[in-house]
């Protein structure tokens, strides 16, 4: 079962990423255009329709949070990631509750 993590906790963990024993990896499953318009700090963009073909880009040693516009597609994407046979049994894969709609902090924009 996929658990959710609230945006406030994601922000706190990102702020402490360099000191954390378990580094946070954000996977943004929105389109590349949406990603370039603004995304979470340190996020990588793997659009949902490309996820099955790019799943090897995920660093399994990290805590993985999947983000989408409203927090629904990210649950499905997290389930897909969990079903991948090479995922370590202790991998932490979560969906960001409420998605980008719930993120009240600054976004990184591509220049």
PDB file of N, CA and C in Angstrom:
ATOM      1  N   UNK A   1       0.838  -1.192   0.000  1.00  0.00           N
ATOM      2  CA  UNK A   1       0.000   0.000   0.000  1.00  0.00           C
ATOM      3  C   UNK A   1       0.880   1.251   0.000  1.00  0.00           C
ATOM      4  N   UNK A   2       0.496   2.208  -0.779  1.00  0.00           N
ATOM      5  CA  UNK A   2       1.244   3.454  -0.890  1.00  0.00           C
ATOM      6  C   UNK A   2       0.776   4.415   0.199  1.00  0.00           C
ATOM      7  N   UNK A   3       1.730   4.954   0.927  1.00  0.00           N
ATOM      8  CA  UNK A   3       1.384   5.963   1.929  1.00  0.00           C
ATOM      9  C   UNK A   3       1.590   7.347   1.332  1.00  0.00           C
ATOM     10  N   UNK A   4       1.019   8.335   2.007  1.00  0.00           N
ATOM     11  CA  UNK A   4       1.163   9.717   1.556  1.00  0.00           C
ATOM     12  C   UNK A   4       2.019  10.495   2.542  1.00  0.00           C
ATOM     13  N   UNK A   5       2.638  11.531   2.034  1.00  0.00           N
ATOM     14  CA  UNK A   5       3.453  12.425   2.847  1.00  0.00           C
ATOM     15  C   UNK A   5       2.968  13.845   2.560  1.00  0.00           C
ATOM     16  N   UNK A   6       2.801  14.650   3.607  1.00  0.00           N
ATOM     17  CA  UNK A   6       2.271  15.996   3.387  1.00  0.00           C
ATOM     18  C   UNK A   6       3.366  16.928   2.864  1.00  0.00           C
ATOM     19  N   UNK A   7       2.963  17.974   2.138  1.00  0.00           N
ATOM     20  CA  UNK A   7       3.935  18.901   1.548  1.00  0.00           C
ATOM     21  C   UNK A   7       4.861  19.551   2.576  1.00  0.00           C
ATOM     22  N   UNK A   8       4.362  19.835   3.782  1.00  0.00           N
ATOM     23  CA  UNK A   8       5.191  20.458   4.813  1.00  0.00           C
ATOM     24  C   UNK A   8       6.366  19.552   5.188  1.00  0.00           C
ATOM     25  N   UNK A   9       6.096  18.262   5.302  1.00  0.00           N
ATOM     26  CA  UNK A   9       7.152  17.301   5.629  1.00  0.00           C
ATOM     27  C   UNK A   9       8.144  17.188   4.479  1.00  0.00           C
ATOM     28  N   UNK A  10       7.639  17.200   3.250  1.00  0.00           N
ATOM     29  CA  UNK A  10       8.524  17.158   2.079  1.00  0.00           C
ATOM     30  C   UNK A  10       9.453  18.365   2.097  1.00  0.00           C
ATOM     31  N   UNK A  11       8.898  19.555   2.335  1.00  0.00           N
ATOM     32  CA  UNK A  11       9.716  20.773   2.377  1.00  0.00           C
ATOM     33  C   UNK A  11      10.784  20.671   3.466  1.00  0.00           C
ATOM     34  N   UNK A  12      10.399  20.227   4.641  1.00  0.00           N
ATOM     35  CA  UNK A  12      11.355  20.091   5.749  1.00  0.00           C
ATOM     36  C   UNK A  12      12.474  19.111   5.383  1.00  0.00           C
ATOM     37  N   UNK A  13      12.111  17.985   4.790  1.00  0.00           N
ATOM     38  CA  UNK A  13      13.123  16.993   4.422  1.00  0.00           C
ATOM     39  C   UNK A  13      14.035  17.516   3.319  1.00  0.00           C
ATOM     40  N   UNK A  14      13.490  18.269   2.375  1.00  0.00           N
ATOM     41  CA  UNK A  14      14.328  18.856   1.323  1.00  0.00           C
ATOM     42  C   UNK A  14      15.321  19.856   1.908  1.00  0.00           C
ATOM     43  N   UNK A  15      14.884  20.633   2.878  1.00  0.00           N
ATOM     44  CA  UNK A  15      15.769  21.612   3.517  1.00  0.00           C
ATOM     45  C   UNK A  15      16.918  20.943   4.258  1.00  0.00           C
ATOM     46  N   UNK A  16      16.695  19.722   4.712  1.00  0.00           N
ATOM     47  CA  UNK A  16      17.710  18.984   5.465  1.00  0.00           C
ATOM     48  C   UNK A  16      18.340  17.861   4.654  1.00  0.00           C
ATOM     49  N   UNK A  17      18.130  17.864   3.339  1.00  0.00           N
ATOM     50  CA  UNK A  17      18.590  16.775   2.476  1.00  0.00           C
ATOM     51  C   UNK A  17      20.094  16.528   2.557  1.00  0.00           C
ATOM     52  N   UNK A  18      20.874  17.584   2.638  1.00  0.00           N
ATOM     53  CA  UNK A  18      22.329  17.399   2.639  1.00  0.00           C
ATOM     54  C   UNK A  18      22.830  16.769   3.935  1.00  0.00           C
ATOM     55  N   UNK A  19      22.035  16.852   4.995  1.00  0.00           N
ATOM     56  CA  UNK A  19      22.438  16.287   6.287  1.00  0.00           C
ATOM     57  C   UNK A  19      21.728  14.970   6.591  1.00  0.00           C
ATOM     58  N   UNK A  20      20.779  14.608   5.773  1.00  0.00           N
ATOM     59  CA  UNK A  20      19.956  13.435   6.064  1.00  0.00           C
ATOM     60  C   UNK A  20      20.683  12.136   5.747  1.00  0.00           C
ATOM     61  N   UNK A  21      20.456  11.150   6.598  1.00  0.00           N
ATOM     62  CA  UNK A  21      21.013   9.822   6.349  1.00  0.00           C
ATOM     63  C   UNK A  21      20.301   9.190   5.150  1.00  0.00           C
ATOM     64  N   UNK A  22      19.036   9.497   5.000  1.00  0.00           N
ATOM     65  CA  UNK A  22      18.236   8.974   3.896  1.00  0.00           C
ATOM     66  C   UNK A  22      17.821  10.144   3.010  1.00  0.00           C
ATOM     67  N   UNK A  23      18.489  10.290   1.894  1.00  0.00           N
ATOM     68  CA  UNK A  23      18.233  11.406   0.985  1.00  0.00           C
ATOM     69  C   UNK A  23      16.886  11.262   0.285  1.00  0.00           C
ATOM     70  N   UNK A  24      16.200  12.382   0.126  1.00  0.00           N
ATOM     71  CA  UNK A  24      14.889  12.410  -0.502  1.00  0.00           C
ATOM     72  C   UNK A  24      15.036  12.613  -2.007  1.00  0.00           C
ATOM     73  N   UNK A  25      14.363  11.780  -2.778  1.00  0.00           N
ATOM     74  CA  UNK A  25      14.333  11.946  -4.227  1.00  0.00           C
ATOM     75  C   UNK A  25      12.890  12.213  -4.634  1.00  0.00           C
ATOM     76  N   UNK A  26      12.669  13.333  -5.319  1.00  0.00           N
ATOM     77  CA  UNK A  26      11.332  13.702  -5.793  1.00  0.00           C
ATOM     78  C   UNK A  26      11.214  13.313  -7.260  1.00  0.00           C
ATOM     79  N   UNK A  27      10.162  12.580  -7.589  1.00  0.00           N
ATOM     80  CA  UNK A  27       9.877  12.239  -8.976  1.00  0.00           C
ATOM     81  C   UNK A  27       8.599  12.973  -9.365  1.00  0.00           C
ATOM     82  N   UNK A  28       8.733  13.897 -10.288  1.00  0.00           N
ATOM     83  CA  UNK A  28       7.620  14.706 -10.772  1.00  0.00           C
ATOM     84  C   UNK A  28       7.089  14.025 -12.026  1.00  0.00           C
ATOM     85  N   UNK A  29       5.842  13.553 -11.974  1.00  0.00           N
ATOM     86  CA  UNK A  29       5.297  12.788 -13.095  1.00  0.00           C
ATOM     87  C   UNK A  29       4.469  13.645 -14.055  1.00  0.00           C
ATOM     88  N   UNK A  30       4.506  14.960 -13.879  1.00  0.00           N
ATOM     89  CA  UNK A  30       3.794  15.850 -14.802  1.00  0.00           C
ATOM     90  C   UNK A  30       4.538  15.915 -16.140  1.00  0.00           C
ATOM     91  N   UNK A  31       3.934  16.569 -17.104  1.00  0.00           N
ATOM     92  CA  UNK A  31       4.579  16.714 -18.415  1.00  0.00           C
ATOM     93  C   UNK A  31       5.839  17.566 -18.293  1.00  0.00           C
ATOM     94  N   UNK A  32       6.702  17.463 -19.289  1.00  0.00           N
ATOM     95  CA  UNK A  32       7.932  18.255 -19.291  1.00  0.00           C
ATOM     96  C   UNK A  32       7.620  19.751 -19.292  1.00  0.00           C
ATOM     97  N   UNK A  33       6.596  20.163 -20.024  1.00  0.00           N
ATOM     98  CA  UNK A  33       6.214  21.578 -20.077  1.00  0.00           C
ATOM     99  C   UNK A  33       5.802  22.064 -18.686  1.00  0.00           C
ATOM    100  N   UNK A  34       4.962  21.295 -17.996  1.00  0.00           N
ATOM    101  CA  UNK A  34       4.548  21.672 -16.637  1.00  0.00           C
ATOM    102  C   UNK A  34       5.751  21.726 -15.704  1.00  0.00           C
ATOM    103  N   UNK A  35       6.638  20.757 -15.833  1.00  0.00           N
ATOM    104  CA  UNK A  35       7.838  20.696 -14.999  1.00  0.00           C
ATOM    105  C   UNK A  35       8.681  21.953 -15.188  1.00  0.00           C
ATOM    106  N   UNK A  36       8.886  22.360 -16.431  1.00  0.00           N
ATOM    107  CA  UNK A  36       9.713  23.529 -16.725  1.00  0.00           C
ATOM    108  C   UNK A  36       9.091  24.826 -16.212  1.00  0.00           C
ATOM    109  N   UNK A  37       7.777  24.858 -16.077  1.00  0.00           N
ATOM    110  CA  UNK A  37       7.094  26.053 -15.573  1.00  0.00           C
ATOM    111  C   UNK A  37       7.269  26.220 -14.066  1.00  0.00           C
ATOM    112  N   UNK A  38       7.628  25.154 -13.381  1.00  0.00           N
ATOM    113  CA  UNK A  38       7.872  25.216 -11.945  1.00  0.00           C
ATOM    114  C   UNK A  38       7.770  23.840 -11.323  1.00  0.00           C
ATOM    115  N   UNK A  39       8.766  23.497 -10.505  1.00  0.00           N
ATOM    116  CA  UNK A  39       8.781  22.173  -9.885  1.00  0.00           C
ATOM    117  C   UNK A  39       9.411  22.237  -8.502  1.00  0.00           C
ATOM    118  N   UNK A  40       9.263  21.168  -7.756  1.00  0.00           N
ATOM    119  CA  UNK A  40       9.850  21.086  -6.423  1.00  0.00           C
ATOM    120  C   UNK A  40      11.370  21.096  -6.532  1.00  0.00           C
ATOM    121  N   UNK A  41      12.047  21.658  -5.541  1.00  0.00           N
ATOM    122  CA  UNK A  41      13.517  21.630  -5.548  1.00  0.00           C
ATOM    123  C   UNK A  41      14.031  20.194  -5.651  1.00  0.00           C
ATOM    124  N   UNK A  42      15.066  20.012  -6.444  1.00  0.00           N
ATOM    125  CA  UNK A  42      15.756  18.726  -6.610  1.00  0.00           C
ATOM    126  C   UNK A  42      14.927  17.646  -7.295  1.00  0.00           C
ATOM    127  N   UNK A  43      13.756  17.997  -7.827  1.00  0.00           N
ATOM    128  CA  UNK A  43      12.905  17.005  -8.487  1.00  0.00           C
ATOM    129  C   UNK A  43      13.492  16.595  -9.829  1.00  0.00           C
ATOM    130  N   UNK A  44      13.228  15.344 -10.197  1.00  0.00           N
ATOM    131  CA  UNK A  44      13.531  14.889 -11.549  1.00  0.00           C
ATOM    132  C   UNK A  44      12.196  14.667 -12.251  1.00  0.00           C
ATOM    133  N   UNK A  45      12.162  14.920 -13.537  1.00  0.00           N
ATOM    134  CA  UNK A  45      10.931  14.802 -14.296  1.00  0.00           C
ATOM    135  C   UNK A  45      10.901  13.489 -15.055  1.00  0.00           C
ATOM    136  N   UNK A  46       9.957  12.640 -14.674  1.00  0.00           N
ATOM    137  CA  UNK A  46       9.683  11.412 -15.417  1.00  0.00           C
ATOM    138  C   UNK A  46       8.167  11.388 -15.616  1.00  0.00           C
ATOM    139  N   UNK A  47       7.683  11.903 -16.756  1.00  0.00           N
ATOM    140  CA  UNK A  47       6.233  11.934 -16.987  1.00  0.00           C
ATOM    141  C   UNK A  47       5.615  10.543 -16.830  1.00  0.00           C
ATOM    142  N   UNK A  48       4.395  10.512 -16.317  1.00  0.00           N
ATOM    143  CA  UNK A  48       3.730   9.252 -16.011  1.00  0.00           C
ATOM    144  C   UNK A  48       3.736   8.287 -17.189  1.00  0.00           C
ATOM    145  N   UNK A  49       3.486   8.782 -18.402  1.00  0.00           N
ATOM    146  CA  UNK A  49       3.435   7.889 -19.561  1.00  0.00           C
ATOM    147  C   UNK A  49       4.804   7.323 -19.944  1.00  0.00           C
ATOM    148  N   UNK A  50       5.874   7.913 -19.423  1.00  0.00           N
ATOM    149  CA  UNK A  50       7.229   7.430 -19.715  1.00  0.00           C
ATOM    150  C   UNK A  50       7.822   6.631 -18.548  1.00  0.00           C
ATOM    151  N   UNK A  51       7.137   6.620 -17.425  1.00  0.00           N
ATOM    152  CA  UNK A  51       7.664   5.991 -16.213  1.00  0.00           C
ATOM    153  C   UNK A  51       8.085   4.527 -16.404  1.00  0.00           C
ATOM    154  N   UNK A  52       7.280   3.681 -17.044  1.00  0.00           N
ATOM    155  CA  UNK A  52       7.706   2.283 -17.195  1.00  0.00           C
ATOM    156  C   UNK A  52       9.029   2.118 -17.949  1.00  0.00           C
ATOM    157  N   UNK A  53       9.329   3.060 -18.853  1.00  0.00           N
ATOM    158  CA  UNK A  53      10.543   2.970 -19.663  1.00  0.00           C
ATOM    159  C   UNK A  53      11.736   3.682 -19.040  1.00  0.00           C
ATOM    160  N   UNK A  54      11.491   4.495 -18.018  1.00  0.00           N
ATOM    161  CA  UNK A  54      12.577   5.272 -17.408  1.00  0.00           C
ATOM    162  C   UNK A  54      12.757   4.952 -15.925  1.00  0.00           C
ATOM    163  N   UNK A  55      12.163   3.881 -15.477  1.00  0.00           N
ATOM    164  CA  UNK A  55      12.188   3.548 -14.053  1.00  0.00           C
ATOM    165  C   UNK A  55      13.609   3.303 -13.540  1.00  0.00           C
ATOM    166  N   UNK A  56      14.517   2.940 -14.444  1.00  0.00           N
ATOM    167  CA  UNK A  56      15.904   2.686 -14.043  1.00  0.00           C
ATOM    168  C   UNK A  56      16.624   3.966 -13.618  1.00  0.00           C
ATOM    169  N   UNK A  57      16.049   5.134 -13.878  1.00  0.00           N
ATOM    170  CA  UNK A  57      16.657   6.402 -13.464  1.00  0.00           C
ATOM    171  C   UNK A  57      16.486   6.683 -11.965  1.00  0.00           C
ATOM    172  N   UNK A  58      15.650   5.908 -11.315  1.00  0.00           N
ATOM    173  CA  UNK A  58      15.386   6.117  -9.889  1.00  0.00           C
ATOM    174  C   UNK A  58      16.520   5.533  -9.064  1.00  0.00           C
ATOM    175  N   UNK A  59      16.967   6.295  -8.073  1.00  0.00           N
ATOM    176  CA  UNK A  59      18.013   5.830  -7.159  1.00  0.00           C
ATOM    177  C   UNK A  59      17.339   5.137  -5.980  1.00  0.00           C
ATOM    178  N   UNK A  60      17.460   3.830  -5.928  1.00  0.00           N
ATOM    179  CA  UNK A  60      16.701   3.032  -4.967  1.00  0.00           C
ATOM    180  C   UNK A  60      17.142   3.193  -3.525  1.00  0.00           C
ATOM    181  N   UNK A  61      18.312   3.722  -3.285  1.00  0.00           N
ATOM    182  CA  UNK A  61      18.771   3.843  -1.903  1.00  0.00           C
ATOM    183  C   UNK A  61      18.114   5.015  -1.180  1.00  0.00           C
ATOM    184  N   UNK A  62      17.335   5.779  -1.889  1.00  0.00           N
ATOM    185  CA  UNK A  62      16.761   6.984  -1.318  1.00  0.00           C
ATOM    186  C   UNK A  62      15.284   6.829  -0.986  1.00  0.00           C
ATOM    187  N   UNK A  63      14.800   7.767  -0.182  1.00  0.00           N
ATOM    188  CA  UNK A  63      13.372   7.912   0.090  1.00  0.00           C
ATOM    189  C   UNK A  63      12.771   8.577  -1.145  1.00  0.00           C
ATOM    190  N   UNK A  64      11.794   7.962  -1.754  1.00  0.00           N
ATOM    191  CA  UNK A  64      11.224   8.443  -3.006  1.00  0.00           C
ATOM    192  C   UNK A  64       9.836   9.018  -2.760  1.00  0.00           C
ATOM    193  N   UNK A  65       9.623  10.245  -3.239  1.00  0.00           N
ATOM    194  CA  UNK A  65       8.310  10.882  -3.165  1.00  0.00           C
ATOM    195  C   UNK A  65       7.884  11.211  -4.587  1.00  0.00           C
ATOM    196  N   UNK A  66       6.676  10.777  -4.943  1.00  0.00           N
ATOM    197  CA  UNK A  66       6.137  11.021  -6.276  1.00  0.00           C
ATOM    198  C   UNK A  66       5.146  12.185  -6.185  1.00  0.00           C
ATOM    199  N   UNK A  67       5.278  13.151  -7.110  1.00  0.00           N
ATOM    200  CA  UNK A  67       4.419  14.339  -7.101  1.00  0.00           C
ATOM    201  C   UNK A  67       3.703  14.508  -8.435  1.00  0.00           C
ATOM    202  N   UNK A  68       2.440  14.932  -8.352  1.00  0.00           N
ATOM    203  CA  UNK A  68       1.614  15.186  -9.529  1.00  0.00           C
ATOM    204  C   UNK A  68       0.751  16.420  -9.252  1.00  0.00           C
ATOM    205  N   UNK A  69      -0.140  16.810 -10.160  1.00  0.00           N
ATOM    206  CA  UNK A  69      -0.923  18.026  -9.927  1.00  0.00           C
ATOM    207  C   UNK A  69      -1.797  18.016  -8.670  1.00  0.00           C
ATOM    208  N   UNK A  70      -2.544  16.930  -8.418  1.00  0.00           N
ATOM    209  CA  UNK A  70      -3.472  16.951  -7.279  1.00  0.00           C
ATOM    210  C   UNK A  70      -3.314  15.775  -6.314  1.00  0.00           C
ATOM    211  N   UNK A  71      -2.307  14.953  -6.509  1.00  0.00           N
ATOM    212  CA  UNK A  71      -2.066  13.859  -5.576  1.00  0.00           C
ATOM    213  C   UNK A  71      -2.787  12.562  -5.884  1.00  0.00           C
ATOM    214  N   UNK A  72      -3.374  12.434  -7.059  1.00  0.00           N
ATOM    215  CA  UNK A  72      -4.062  11.200  -7.439  1.00  0.00           C
ATOM    216  C   UNK A  72      -3.198  10.317  -8.336  1.00  0.00           C
ATOM    217  N   UNK A  73      -2.694  10.885  -9.418  1.00  0.00           N
ATOM    218  CA  UNK A  73      -1.845  10.117 -10.336  1.00  0.00           C
ATOM    219  C   UNK A  73      -0.571   9.650  -9.655  1.00  0.00           C
ATOM    220  N   UNK A  74      -0.099  10.420  -8.690  1.00  0.00           N
ATOM    221  CA  UNK A  74       1.138  10.047  -7.999  1.00  0.00           C
ATOM    222  C   UNK A  74       0.959   8.773  -7.180  1.00  0.00           C
ATOM    223  N   UNK A  75      -0.250   8.524  -6.694  1.00  0.00           N
ATOM    224  CA  UNK A  75      -0.510   7.271  -5.973  1.00  0.00           C
ATOM    225  C   UNK A  75      -0.369   6.100  -6.940  1.00  0.00           C
ATOM    226  N   UNK A  76      -0.949   6.233  -8.130  1.00  0.00           N
ATOM    227  CA  UNK A  76      -0.841   5.177  -9.138  1.00  0.00           C
ATOM    228  C   UNK A  76       0.611   4.974  -9.563  1.00  0.00           C
ATOM    229  N   UNK A  77       1.339   6.077  -9.740  1.00  0.00           N
ATOM    230  CA  UNK A  77       2.748   5.984 -10.134  1.00  0.00           C
ATOM    231  C   UNK A  77       3.576   5.316  -9.040  1.00  0.00           C
ATOM    232  N   UNK A  78       3.306   5.642  -7.788  1.00  0.00           N
ATOM    233  CA  UNK A  78       4.036   5.022  -6.679  1.00  0.00           C
ATOM    234  C   UNK A  78       3.766   3.519  -6.635  1.00  0.00           C
ATOM    235  N   UNK A  79       2.530   3.128  -6.909  1.00  0.00           N
ATOM    236  CA  UNK A  79       2.199   1.690  -6.969  1.00  0.00           C
ATOM    237  C   UNK A  79       2.962   1.010  -8.106  1.00  0.00           C
ATOM    238  N   UNK A  80       3.037   1.680  -9.238  1.00  0.00           N
ATOM    239  CA  UNK A  80       3.784   1.138 -10.376  1.00  0.00           C
ATOM    240  C   UNK A  80       5.250   0.952 -10.009  1.00  0.00           C
ATOM    241  N   UNK A  81       5.832   1.955  -9.371  1.00  0.00           N
ATOM    242  CA  UNK A  81       7.235   1.867  -8.953  1.00  0.00           C
ATOM    243  C   UNK A  81       7.424   0.711  -7.977  1.00  0.00           C
ATOM    244  N   UNK A  82       6.515   0.584  -7.016  1.00  0.00           N
ATOM    245  CA  UNK A  82       6.620  -0.499  -6.032  1.00  0.00           C
ATOM    246  C   UNK A  82       6.541  -1.875  -6.680  1.00  0.00           C
ATOM    247  N   UNK A  83       5.808  -1.984  -7.782  1.00  0.00           N
ATOM    248  CA  UNK A  83       5.638  -3.284  -8.432  1.00  0.00           C
ATOM    249  C   UNK A  83       6.849  -3.692  -9.272  1.00  0.00           C
ATOM    250  N   UNK A  84       7.747  -2.768  -9.517  1.00  0.00           N
ATOM    251  CA  UNK A  84       8.934  -3.045 -10.318  1.00  0.00           C
ATOM    252  C   UNK A  84       9.803  -4.065  -9.591  1.00  0.00           C
ATOM    253  N   UNK A  85      10.254  -5.091 -10.272  1.00  0.00           N
ATOM    254  CA  UNK A  85      10.946  -6.210  -9.628  1.00  0.00           C
ATOM    255  C   UNK A  85      12.286  -5.856  -8.996  1.00  0.00           C
ATOM    256  N   UNK A  86      12.948  -4.804  -9.448  1.00  0.00           N
ATOM    257  CA  UNK A  86      14.250  -4.448  -8.888  1.00  0.00           C
ATOM    258  C   UNK A  86      14.178  -3.508  -7.687  1.00  0.00           C
ATOM    259  N   UNK A  87      12.974  -3.178  -7.242  1.00  0.00           N
ATOM    260  CA  UNK A  87      12.830  -2.290  -6.088  1.00  0.00           C
ATOM    261  C   UNK A  87      13.224  -3.048  -4.823  1.00  0.00           C
ATOM    262  N   UNK A  88      14.141  -2.490  -4.029  1.00  0.00           N
ATOM    263  CA  UNK A  88      14.513  -3.144  -2.772  1.00  0.00           C
ATOM    264  C   UNK A  88      13.289  -3.281  -1.861  1.00  0.00           C
ATOM    265  N   UNK A  89      13.233  -4.348  -1.093  1.00  0.00           N
ATOM    266  CA  UNK A  89      12.067  -4.590  -0.237  1.00  0.00           C
ATOM    267  C   UNK A  89      11.874  -3.503   0.818  1.00  0.00           C
ATOM    268  N   UNK A  90      12.935  -2.786   1.175  1.00  0.00           N
ATOM    269  CA  UNK A  90      12.825  -1.740   2.196  1.00  0.00           C
ATOM    270  C   UNK A  90      12.716  -0.332   1.600  1.00  0.00           C
ATOM    271  N   UNK A  91      12.461  -0.225   0.310  1.00  0.00           N
ATOM    272  CA  UNK A  91      12.359   1.090  -0.340  1.00  0.00           C
ATOM    273  C   UNK A  91      11.177   1.869   0.229  1.00  0.00           C
ATOM    274  N   UNK A  92      11.380   3.161   0.459  1.00  0.00           N
ATOM    275  CA  UNK A  92      10.310   4.052   0.935  1.00  0.00           C
ATOM    276  C   UNK A  92       9.802   4.846  -0.255  1.00  0.00           C
ATOM    277  N   UNK A  93       8.602   4.527  -0.691  1.00  0.00           N
ATOM    278  CA  UNK A  93       7.998   5.189  -1.839  1.00  0.00           C
ATOM    279  C   UNK A  93       6.663   5.772  -1.384  1.00  0.00           C
ATOM    280  N   UNK A  94       6.536   7.098  -1.494  1.00  0.00           N
ATOM    281  CA  UNK A  94       5.328   7.769  -1.034  1.00  0.00           C
ATOM    282  C   UNK A  94       4.804   8.727  -2.096  1.00  0.00           C
ATOM    283  N   UNK A  95       3.541   9.078  -1.964  1.00  0.00           N
ATOM    284  CA  UNK A  95       2.892  10.067  -2.820  1.00  0.00           C
ATOM    285  C   UNK A  95       2.738  11.356  -2.017  1.00  0.00           C
ATOM    286  N   UNK A  96       2.997  12.506  -2.662  1.00  0.00           N
ATOM    287  CA  UNK A  96       2.810  13.773  -1.960  1.00  0.00           C
ATOM    288  C   UNK A  96       1.320  14.107  -1.923  1.00  0.00           C
ATOM    289  N   UNK A  97       0.760  14.142  -0.727  1.00  0.00           N
ATOM    290  CA  UNK A  97      -0.668  14.397  -0.528  1.00  0.00           C
ATOM    291  C   UNK A  97      -1.068  15.750  -1.114  1.00  0.00           C
ATOM    292  N   UNK A  98      -2.092  15.748  -1.932  1.00  0.00           N
ATOM    293  CA  UNK A  98      -2.590  16.989  -2.520  1.00  0.00           C
ATOM    294  C   UNK A  98      -1.813  17.479  -3.721  1.00  0.00           C
ATOM    295  N   UNK A  99      -0.683  16.853  -4.016  1.00  0.00           N
ATOM    296  CA  UNK A  99       0.123  17.217  -5.172  1.00  0.00           C
ATOM    297  C   UNK A  99       0.559  18.673  -5.166  1.00  0.00           C
ATOM    298  N   UNK A 100       0.818  19.190  -6.353  1.00  0.00           N
ATOM    299  CA  UNK A 100       1.268  20.577  -6.487  1.00  0.00           C
ATOM    300  C   UNK A 100       0.208  21.570  -6.011  1.00  0.00           C
ATOM    301  N   UNK A 101      -1.066  21.191  -6.072  1.00  0.00           N
ATOM    302  CA  UNK A 101      -2.120  22.081  -5.575  1.00  0.00           C
ATOM    303  C   UNK A 101      -1.943  22.382  -4.093  1.00  0.00           C
ATOM    304  N   UNK A 102      -1.375  21.443  -3.346  1.00  0.00           N
ATOM    305  CA  UNK A 102      -1.194  21.622  -1.901  1.00  0.00           C
ATOM    306  C   UNK A 102       0.163  22.232  -1.539  1.00  0.00           C
ATOM    307  N   UNK A 103       1.070  22.340  -2.495  1.00  0.00           N
ATOM    308  CA  UNK A 103       2.411  22.889  -2.248  1.00  0.00           C
ATOM    309  C   UNK A 103       2.305  24.408  -2.153  1.00  0.00           C
ATOM    310  N   UNK A 104       2.595  24.963  -0.999  1.00  0.00           N
ATOM    311  CA  UNK A 104       2.440  26.408  -0.771  1.00  0.00           C
ATOM    312  C   UNK A 104       3.769  27.150  -0.766  1.00  0.00           C
ATOM    313  N   UNK A 105       4.803  26.525  -1.268  1.00  0.00           N
ATOM    314  CA  UNK A 105       6.141  27.097  -1.194  1.00  0.00           C
ATOM    315  C   UNK A 105       6.649  27.412  -2.600  1.00  0.00           C
ATOM    316  N   UNK A 106       7.806  28.032  -2.639  1.00  0.00           N
ATOM    317  CA  UNK A 106       8.399  28.435  -3.913  1.00  0.00           C
ATOM    318  C   UNK A 106       8.747  27.216  -4.769  1.00  0.00           C
ATOM    319  N   UNK A 107       8.588  27.385  -6.068  1.00  0.00           N
ATOM    320  CA  UNK A 107       8.953  26.351  -7.034  1.00  0.00           C
ATOM    321  C   UNK A 107      10.202  26.786  -7.785  1.00  0.00           C
ATOM    322  N   UNK A 108      10.944  25.814  -8.272  1.00  0.00           N
ATOM    323  CA  UNK A 108      12.122  26.070  -9.096  1.00  0.00           C
ATOM    324  C   UNK A 108      11.645  26.157 -10.537  1.00  0.00           C
ATOM    325  N   UNK A 109      12.091  27.180 -11.251  1.00  0.00           N
ATOM    326  CA  UNK A 109      11.719  27.319 -12.661  1.00  0.00           C
ATOM    327  C   UNK A 109      12.942  27.127 -13.534  1.00  0.00           C
ATOM    328  N   UNK A 110      12.741  26.410 -14.631  1.00  0.00           N
ATOM    329  CA  UNK A 110      13.823  26.181 -15.585  1.00  0.00           C
ATOM    330  C   UNK A 110      14.042  27.461 -16.377  1.00  0.00           C
ATOM    331  N   UNK A 111      15.318  27.797 -16.605  1.00  0.00           N
ATOM    332  CA  UNK A 111      15.571  29.016 -17.380  1.00  0.00           C
ATOM    333  C   UNK A 111      16.020  28.704 -18.777  1.00  0.00           C
TER     334      UNK A 111
END
